Each structure stands twice: as C-alpha cells, then as structure tokens.
C-alpha cells in the first residue's frame, strides 16, 4: 500500500498491517489520506502527529503533516 508521500510502499509508511494485538486504542485513521489506518505508537515515534483544538491526529506518512498544517480545520472534521 502506498501513501501520499510515495507511489510505492516503503518501510517509512505507518499504515496498518493487520496484527491481532492492535485495538482501537492503538490505531488511528489518517485524516489526510481518507482514513488510512495508522499505528499510533509508530507515528508518534516518527513525529507524524499534530495536536489541534485539544485532540491529537496521527498521519500515515511525512507528507500528511504539512497538508494538515495548511488547513487543519478541513482535516480535523474528517478524523
């Protein structure tokens, strides 16, 4: 699965590969890439998150942060 940053999968992508130990508390949906699942702890380790209006948003790749920063209100609604 690719991301907004790349047309091919890389080890930098944080999209979810189904793992039984993951729950709703450990995964989030990227608000920029139409709900792409993201492992929260992995995204936080790489700095791929933003806090906006008291809520944290996690991203699937490095390209999503700047897109979110440009118009956070647009993306916060979809998360």
C-alpha atoms as a PDB file:
ATOM      1  CA  UNK A   1       0.000   0.000   0.000  1.00  0.00           C
ATOM      2  CA  UNK A   2       1.362   3.408  -0.935  1.00  0.00           C
ATOM      3  CA  UNK A   3       0.867   6.727   0.749  1.00  0.00           C
ATOM      4  CA  UNK A   4       0.566  10.390  -0.129  1.00  0.00           C
ATOM      5  CA  UNK A   5       4.358  10.600   0.009  1.00  0.00           C
ATOM      6  CA  UNK A   6       5.174   7.787  -2.332  1.00  0.00           C
ATOM      7  CA  UNK A   7       3.706   5.722  -5.104  1.00  0.00           C
ATOM      8  CA  UNK A   8       5.157   2.553  -3.602  1.00  0.00           C
ATOM      9  CA  UNK A   9       5.283   1.009  -0.164  1.00  0.00           C
ATOM     10  CA  UNK A  10       8.318   1.835   1.944  1.00  0.00           C
ATOM     11  CA  UNK A  11       9.442   0.973   5.438  1.00  0.00           C
ATOM     12  CA  UNK A  12       8.604   4.572   6.372  1.00  0.00           C
ATOM     13  CA  UNK A  13       4.878   4.047   5.767  1.00  0.00           C
ATOM     14  CA  UNK A  14       2.960   3.628   9.001  1.00  0.00           C
ATOM     15  CA  UNK A  15      -0.181   2.173   7.539  1.00  0.00           C
ATOM     16  CA  UNK A  16      -1.589  -0.736   9.445  1.00  0.00           C
ATOM     17  CA  UNK A  17      -0.802  -4.298   8.608  1.00  0.00           C
ATOM     18  CA  UNK A  18      -3.392  -6.346  10.465  1.00  0.00           C
ATOM     19  CA  UNK A  19      -2.000  -7.572  13.749  1.00  0.00           C
ATOM     20  CA  UNK A  20      -4.233  -9.284  16.307  1.00  0.00           C
ATOM     21  CA  UNK A  21      -2.816  -7.335  19.262  1.00  0.00           C
ATOM     22  CA  UNK A  22      -3.984  -3.994  17.836  1.00  0.00           C
ATOM     23  CA  UNK A  23      -7.167  -2.384  19.077  1.00  0.00           C
ATOM     24  CA  UNK A  24      -8.977   0.894  18.523  1.00  0.00           C
ATOM     25  CA  UNK A  25      -6.746   2.338  21.246  1.00  0.00           C
ATOM     26  CA  UNK A  26      -3.573   1.513  19.304  1.00  0.00           C
ATOM     27  CA  UNK A  27      -4.635   2.536  15.807  1.00  0.00           C
ATOM     28  CA  UNK A  28      -5.973   5.749  14.321  1.00  0.00           C
ATOM     29  CA  UNK A  29      -7.132   6.862  10.893  1.00  0.00           C
ATOM     30  CA  UNK A  30      -5.038   9.336   8.958  1.00  0.00           C
ATOM     31  CA  UNK A  31      -7.251  12.395   8.424  1.00  0.00           C
ATOM     32  CA  UNK A  32      -5.402  13.431   5.256  1.00  0.00           C
ATOM     33  CA  UNK A  33      -5.337  10.105   3.416  1.00  0.00           C
ATOM     34  CA  UNK A  34      -9.046   9.325   3.684  1.00  0.00           C
ATOM     35  CA  UNK A  35      -8.946   7.200   6.818  1.00  0.00           C
ATOM     36  CA  UNK A  36      -5.835   5.146   6.147  1.00  0.00           C
ATOM     37  CA  UNK A  37      -5.152   3.180   9.357  1.00  0.00           C
ATOM     38  CA  UNK A  38      -2.052   4.220  11.316  1.00  0.00           C
ATOM     39  CA  UNK A  39      -0.305   2.600  14.275  1.00  0.00           C
ATOM     40  CA  UNK A  40      -0.283   5.415  16.839  1.00  0.00           C
ATOM     41  CA  UNK A  41       2.917   4.466  18.676  1.00  0.00           C
ATOM     42  CA  UNK A  42       4.844   4.165  15.402  1.00  0.00           C
ATOM     43  CA  UNK A  43       3.569   7.527  14.159  1.00  0.00           C
ATOM     44  CA  UNK A  44       4.467   9.203  17.445  1.00  0.00           C
ATOM     45  CA  UNK A  45       7.967   7.726  17.378  1.00  0.00           C
ATOM     46  CA  UNK A  46       8.489   9.332  13.961  1.00  0.00           C
ATOM     47  CA  UNK A  47       6.809  12.631  14.846  1.00  0.00           C
ATOM     48  CA  UNK A  48       3.927  12.025  12.455  1.00  0.00           C
ATOM     49  CA  UNK A  49       1.190  13.649  14.513  1.00  0.00           C
ATOM     50  CA  UNK A  50      -0.282  17.037  15.311  1.00  0.00           C
ATOM     51  CA  UNK A  51      -2.360  18.374  18.174  1.00  0.00           C
ATOM     52  CA  UNK A  52      -5.220  20.604  17.114  1.00  0.00           C
ATOM     53  CA  UNK A  53      -8.042  22.012  19.252  1.00  0.00           C
ATOM     54  CA  UNK A  54      -7.176  19.672  22.110  1.00  0.00           C
ATOM     55  CA  UNK A  55      -7.136  16.496  20.012  1.00  0.00           C
ATOM     56  CA  UNK A  56      -4.247  14.503  18.557  1.00  0.00           C
ATOM     57  CA  UNK A  57      -4.191  13.455  14.896  1.00  0.00           C
ATOM     58  CA  UNK A  58      -1.796  10.794  13.565  1.00  0.00           C
ATOM     59  CA  UNK A  59      -0.544  10.544   9.976  1.00  0.00           C
ATOM     60  CA  UNK A  60       0.397   7.656   7.715  1.00  0.00           C
ATOM     61  CA  UNK A  61       3.439   9.408   6.223  1.00  0.00           C
ATOM     62  CA  UNK A  62       5.561  12.547   6.344  1.00  0.00           C
ATOM     63  CA  UNK A  63       3.618  14.272   3.560  1.00  0.00           C
ATOM     64  CA  UNK A  64       0.386  14.324   5.552  1.00  0.00           C
ATOM     65  CA  UNK A  65       1.671  16.611   8.318  1.00  0.00           C
ATOM     66  CA  UNK A  66       2.292  19.622   6.051  1.00  0.00           C
ATOM     67  CA  UNK A  67      -1.064  19.085   4.320  1.00  0.00           C
ATOM     68  CA  UNK A  68      -2.773  19.067   7.715  1.00  0.00           C
ATOM     69  CA  UNK A  69      -0.833  22.163   8.799  1.00  0.00           C
ATOM     70  CA  UNK A  70      -2.025  24.064   5.707  1.00  0.00           C
ATOM     71  CA  UNK A  71      -5.712  23.580   6.586  1.00  0.00           C
ATOM     72  CA  UNK A  72      -6.187  21.762   9.905  1.00  0.00           C
ATOM     73  CA  UNK A  73      -9.886  22.618  10.191  1.00  0.00           C
ATOM     74  CA  UNK A  74     -10.576  20.812   6.916  1.00  0.00           C
ATOM     75  CA  UNK A  75      -8.896  17.591   8.033  1.00  0.00           C
ATOM     76  CA  UNK A  76      -9.959  17.645  11.685  1.00  0.00           C
ATOM     77  CA  UNK A  77     -13.574  17.339  10.574  1.00  0.00           C
ATOM     78  CA  UNK A  78     -12.928  14.044   8.751  1.00  0.00           C
ATOM     79  CA  UNK A  79     -10.952  12.381  11.532  1.00  0.00           C
END
